[in-house]
Every structure is written in C-alpha cells, then in structure tokens.
C-alpha atoms as a PDB file:
ATOM      1  CA  UNK A   1     -34.437  63.086 -43.289  1.00  0.00           C
ATOM      2  CA  UNK A   2     -34.852  60.481 -46.021  1.00  0.00           C
ATOM      3  CA  UNK A   3     -31.404  61.302 -47.420  1.00  0.00           C
ATOM      4  CA  UNK A   4     -29.766  60.771 -44.039  1.00  0.00           C
ATOM      5  CA  UNK A   5     -31.556  57.470 -43.453  1.00  0.00           C
ATOM      6  CA  UNK A   6     -30.620  56.235 -46.921  1.00  0.00           C
ATOM      7  CA  UNK A   7     -26.991  57.145 -46.369  1.00  0.00           C
ATOM      8  CA  UNK A   8     -26.888  55.443 -42.971  1.00  0.00           C
ATOM      9  CA  UNK A   9     -28.506  52.292 -44.370  1.00  0.00           C
ATOM     10  CA  UNK A  10     -26.169  52.098 -47.344  1.00  0.00           C
ATOM     11  CA  UNK A  11     -22.991  52.785 -45.418  1.00  0.00           C
ATOM     12  CA  UNK A  12     -23.962  50.653 -42.412  1.00  0.00           C
ATOM     13  CA  UNK A  13     -24.855  47.637 -44.531  1.00  0.00           C
ATOM     14  CA  UNK A  14     -21.631  47.878 -46.490  1.00  0.00           C
ATOM     15  CA  UNK A  15     -19.559  48.167 -43.347  1.00  0.00           C
ATOM     16  CA  UNK A  16     -21.217  45.114 -41.784  1.00  0.00           C
ATOM     17  CA  UNK A  17     -20.550  43.136 -44.978  1.00  0.00           C
ATOM     18  CA  UNK A  18     -16.890  44.140 -45.048  1.00  0.00           C
ATOM     19  CA  UNK A  19     -16.321  43.492 -41.339  1.00  0.00           C
ATOM     20  CA  UNK A  20     -17.873  40.019 -41.624  1.00  0.00           C
ATOM     21  CA  UNK A  21     -15.541  39.307 -44.543  1.00  0.00           C
ATOM     22  CA  UNK A  22     -12.551  40.599 -42.502  1.00  0.00           C
ATOM     23  CA  UNK A  23     -11.803  43.428 -44.937  1.00  0.00           C
ATOM     24  CA  UNK A  24     -11.267  47.146 -44.444  1.00  0.00           C
ATOM     25  CA  UNK A  25     -14.670  48.777 -45.072  1.00  0.00           C
ATOM     26  CA  UNK A  26     -14.966  50.446 -48.478  1.00  0.00           C
ATOM     27  CA  UNK A  27     -16.368  53.608 -46.903  1.00  0.00           C
ATOM     28  CA  UNK A  28     -13.069  54.073 -45.043  1.00  0.00           C
ATOM     29  CA  UNK A  29     -11.125  53.810 -48.320  1.00  0.00           C
ATOM     30  CA  UNK A  30     -13.085  56.195 -50.578  1.00  0.00           C
ATOM     31  CA  UNK A  31     -15.766  58.880 -50.544  1.00  0.00           C
ATOM     32  CA  UNK A  32     -17.684  57.647 -53.590  1.00  0.00           C
ATOM     33  CA  UNK A  33     -19.679  55.170 -51.496  1.00  0.00           C
ATOM     34  CA  UNK A  34     -21.224  57.864 -49.306  1.00  0.00           C
ATOM     35  CA  UNK A  35     -21.905  60.109 -52.297  1.00  0.00           C
ATOM     36  CA  UNK A  36     -23.717  57.297 -54.099  1.00  0.00           C
ATOM     37  CA  UNK A  37     -25.893  56.658 -51.041  1.00  0.00           C
ATOM     38  CA  UNK A  38     -26.794  60.348 -50.774  1.00  0.00           C
ATOM     39  CA  UNK A  39     -27.556  60.584 -54.490  1.00  0.00           C
ATOM     40  CA  UNK A  40     -29.816  57.553 -54.559  1.00  0.00           C
ATOM     41  CA  UNK A  41     -31.751  58.613 -51.468  1.00  0.00           C
ATOM     42  CA  UNK A  42     -32.333  62.026 -53.063  1.00  0.00           C
ATOM     43  CA  UNK A  43     -33.598  60.351 -56.234  1.00  0.00           C
ATOM     44  CA  UNK A  44     -35.961  58.197 -54.235  1.00  0.00           C
ATOM     45  CA  UNK A  45     -37.329  61.242 -52.442  1.00  0.00           C
ATOM     46  CA  UNK A  46     -37.984  63.068 -55.729  1.00  0.00           C
ATOM     47  CA  UNK A  47     -39.711  59.996 -57.165  1.00  0.00           C
ATOM     48  CA  UNK A  48     -41.909  59.575 -54.091  1.00  0.00           C
ATOM     49  CA  UNK A  49     -42.864  63.264 -54.204  1.00  0.00           C
ATOM     50  CA  UNK A  50     -43.809  63.081 -57.887  1.00  0.00           C
ATOM     51  CA  UNK A  51     -45.978  60.016 -57.278  1.00  0.00           C
ATOM     52  CA  UNK A  52     -47.785  61.833 -54.462  1.00  0.00           C
ATOM     53  CA  UNK A  53     -48.402  64.857 -56.685  1.00  0.00           C
ATOM     54  CA  UNK A  54     -49.693  62.797 -59.624  1.00  0.00           C
ATOM     55  CA  UNK A  55     -52.004  60.788 -57.357  1.00  0.00           C
ATOM     56  CA  UNK A  56     -53.448  63.964 -55.870  1.00  0.00           C
ATOM     57  CA  UNK A  57     -54.161  65.481 -59.316  1.00  0.00           C
ATOM     58  CA  UNK A  58     -56.127  62.431 -60.541  1.00  0.00           C
ATOM     59  CA  UNK A  59     -59.049  63.114 -58.176  1.00  0.00           C
END
C-alpha cells in the first residue's frame, strides 16, 4: 500500500507542476519517473520496518 501511495504522490505532484507550467508531463514522456517513485517508496517501507524492529528489540 505504501508503494502505491508513494507512486501516486510522486507522479501526481509532478503532473500538477508540469500542467501549471504548460508543459507535457514528464510521466507521459518516459517511464523512469514512475520507476523512481516505486523504488523510493519501497526504500522508505524497508527503512520504517527496520526502525520498528530495532525499537522493539531495545525493550
């Protein structure tokens, strides 16, 4: 779920920026934008999970 929300946020924000600047959105020109959003959201999820695990083991 986190990966999907991260991708939607990244792509949606970029599209709004491009539309306000009267340009063709980057996401409609290449796939790398969506892949970067998916990758970063996955990294965030792994980091959040590791922090939860380390906090639980300190008790």
